[in-house]
Amino acid sequence: MEIRERNALKGIVKSIEPGAVNTEVVWEVTAGVETTAISTKSSSERLGLSVGKTAYAVVKASDVMVAID
């Protein structure tokens, strides 16, 4: 895979929860740091996602907000 996106996070798929239309995918980016994404069920199937497989979270956003307590 080659992509020119700066915000690509490589990780290991930890869980997959398929729904009727969408699939929730959780993967561990580094020890103790997880991220979650929702994609269409068909996209997840085409990617062949499975627990333990390496995947990338590619973040595309025009805004990033920072907050504190």
C-alpha atoms as a PDB file:
ATOM      1  CA  MET A   1       0.000   0.000   0.000  1.00  0.00           C
ATOM      2  CA  GLU A   2       1.200   3.478  -0.791  1.00  0.00           C
ATOM      3  CA  ILE A   3      -0.663   6.509   0.437  1.00  0.00           C
ATOM      4  CA  ARG A   4       0.328  10.113   0.823  1.00  0.00           C
ATOM      5  CA  GLU A   5      -1.676  10.824   3.915  1.00  0.00           C
ATOM      6  CA  ARG A   6       0.189  12.072   6.982  1.00  0.00           C
ATOM      7  CA  ASN A   7      -2.333  10.748   9.445  1.00  0.00           C
ATOM      8  CA  ALA A   8      -2.118   6.993   8.871  1.00  0.00           C
ATOM      9  CA  LEU A   9      -2.036   4.909  12.058  1.00  0.00           C
ATOM     10  CA  LYS A  10      -0.903   1.302  11.685  1.00  0.00           C
ATOM     11  CA  GLY A  11      -2.325  -1.182  14.156  1.00  0.00           C
ATOM     12  CA  ILE A  12      -3.669  -4.658  14.820  1.00  0.00           C
ATOM     13  CA  VAL A  13      -7.409  -5.364  14.552  1.00  0.00           C
ATOM     14  CA  LYS A  14      -8.715  -6.231  18.035  1.00  0.00           C
ATOM     15  CA  SER A  15     -12.433  -6.647  17.353  1.00  0.00           C
ATOM     16  CA  ILE A  16     -15.000  -6.473  14.572  1.00  0.00           C
ATOM     17  CA  GLU A  17     -18.700  -5.945  15.241  1.00  0.00           C
ATOM     18  CA  PRO A  18     -20.702  -6.292  12.023  1.00  0.00           C
ATOM     19  CA  GLY A  19     -24.166  -4.777  11.866  1.00  0.00           C
ATOM     20  CA  ALA A  20     -26.876  -4.871   9.225  1.00  0.00           C
ATOM     21  CA  VAL A  21     -25.315  -1.960   7.309  1.00  0.00           C
ATOM     22  CA  ASN A  22     -22.141  -0.822   9.106  1.00  0.00           C
ATOM     23  CA  THR A  23     -19.236  -2.536  10.827  1.00  0.00           C
ATOM     24  CA  GLU A  24     -17.391  -1.259  13.898  1.00  0.00           C
ATOM     25  CA  VAL A  25     -13.661  -2.031  13.840  1.00  0.00           C
ATOM     26  CA  VAL A  26     -11.386  -1.540  16.857  1.00  0.00           C
ATOM     27  CA  TRP A  27      -7.632  -1.809  16.503  1.00  0.00           C
ATOM     28  CA  GLU A  28      -4.666  -1.260  18.776  1.00  0.00           C
ATOM     29  CA  VAL A  29      -2.253   1.360  17.481  1.00  0.00           C
ATOM     30  CA  THR A  30       0.284   0.787  20.257  1.00  0.00           C
ATOM     31  CA  ALA A  31       0.176  -0.975  23.631  1.00  0.00           C
ATOM     32  CA  GLY A  32      -2.935   0.241  25.423  1.00  0.00           C
ATOM     33  CA  VAL A  33      -3.958   2.734  22.702  1.00  0.00           C
ATOM     34  CA  GLU A  34      -7.002   1.762  20.671  1.00  0.00           C
ATOM     35  CA  THR A  35      -9.033   3.522  18.029  1.00  0.00           C
ATOM     36  CA  THR A  36     -12.431   2.725  16.557  1.00  0.00           C
ATOM     37  CA  ALA A  37     -13.841   3.255  13.092  1.00  0.00           C
ATOM     38  CA  ILE A  38     -17.219   2.679  11.499  1.00  0.00           C
ATOM     39  CA  SER A  39     -17.316   1.639   7.861  1.00  0.00           C
ATOM     40  CA  THR A  40     -19.906   0.102   5.605  1.00  0.00           C
ATOM     41  CA  LYS A  41     -20.290  -3.631   5.972  1.00  0.00           C
ATOM     42  CA  SER A  42     -19.391  -4.166   2.314  1.00  0.00           C
ATOM     43  CA  SER A  43     -16.176  -2.105   2.630  1.00  0.00           C
ATOM     44  CA  SER A  44     -15.048  -4.111   5.651  1.00  0.00           C
ATOM     45  CA  GLU A  45     -15.740  -7.342   3.791  1.00  0.00           C
ATOM     46  CA  ARG A  46     -13.825  -6.181   0.687  1.00  0.00           C
ATOM     47  CA  LEU A  47     -10.824  -5.306   2.878  1.00  0.00           C
ATOM     48  CA  GLY A  48     -10.880  -8.801   4.336  1.00  0.00           C
ATOM     49  CA  LEU A  49     -10.598  -7.475   7.873  1.00  0.00           C
ATOM     50  CA  SER A  50     -10.147 -10.048  10.619  1.00  0.00           C
ATOM     51  CA  VAL A  51      -8.998 -10.022  14.238  1.00  0.00           C
ATOM     52  CA  GLY A  52      -5.204 -10.038  14.432  1.00  0.00           C
ATOM     53  CA  LYS A  53      -4.736  -8.566  10.956  1.00  0.00           C
ATOM     54  CA  THR A  54      -2.711  -5.389  10.418  1.00  0.00           C
ATOM     55  CA  ALA A  55      -4.767  -2.410   9.264  1.00  0.00           C
ATOM     56  CA  TYR A  56      -4.360   1.335   8.940  1.00  0.00           C
ATOM     57  CA  ALA A  57      -6.575   4.113  10.239  1.00  0.00           C
ATOM     58  CA  VAL A  58      -6.281   6.905   7.718  1.00  0.00           C
ATOM     59  CA  VAL A  59      -7.603  10.113   9.256  1.00  0.00           C
ATOM     60  CA  LYS A  60      -8.865  12.772   6.889  1.00  0.00           C
ATOM     61  CA  ALA A  61     -10.199  15.857   8.622  1.00  0.00           C
ATOM     62  CA  SER A  62     -10.348  19.516   7.833  1.00  0.00           C
ATOM     63  CA  ASP A  63     -10.462  20.401  11.545  1.00  0.00           C
ATOM     64  CA  VAL A  64      -8.925  18.958  14.678  1.00  0.00           C
ATOM     65  CA  MET A  65     -10.123  20.204  18.048  1.00  0.00           C
ATOM     66  CA  VAL A  66      -8.053  20.135  21.226  1.00  0.00           C
ATOM     67  CA  ALA A  67      -9.735  20.221  24.630  1.00  0.00           C
ATOM     68  CA  ILE A  68      -8.743  20.110  28.275  1.00  0.00           C
ATOM     69  CA  ASP A  69     -10.675  19.515  31.519  1.00  0.00           C
END
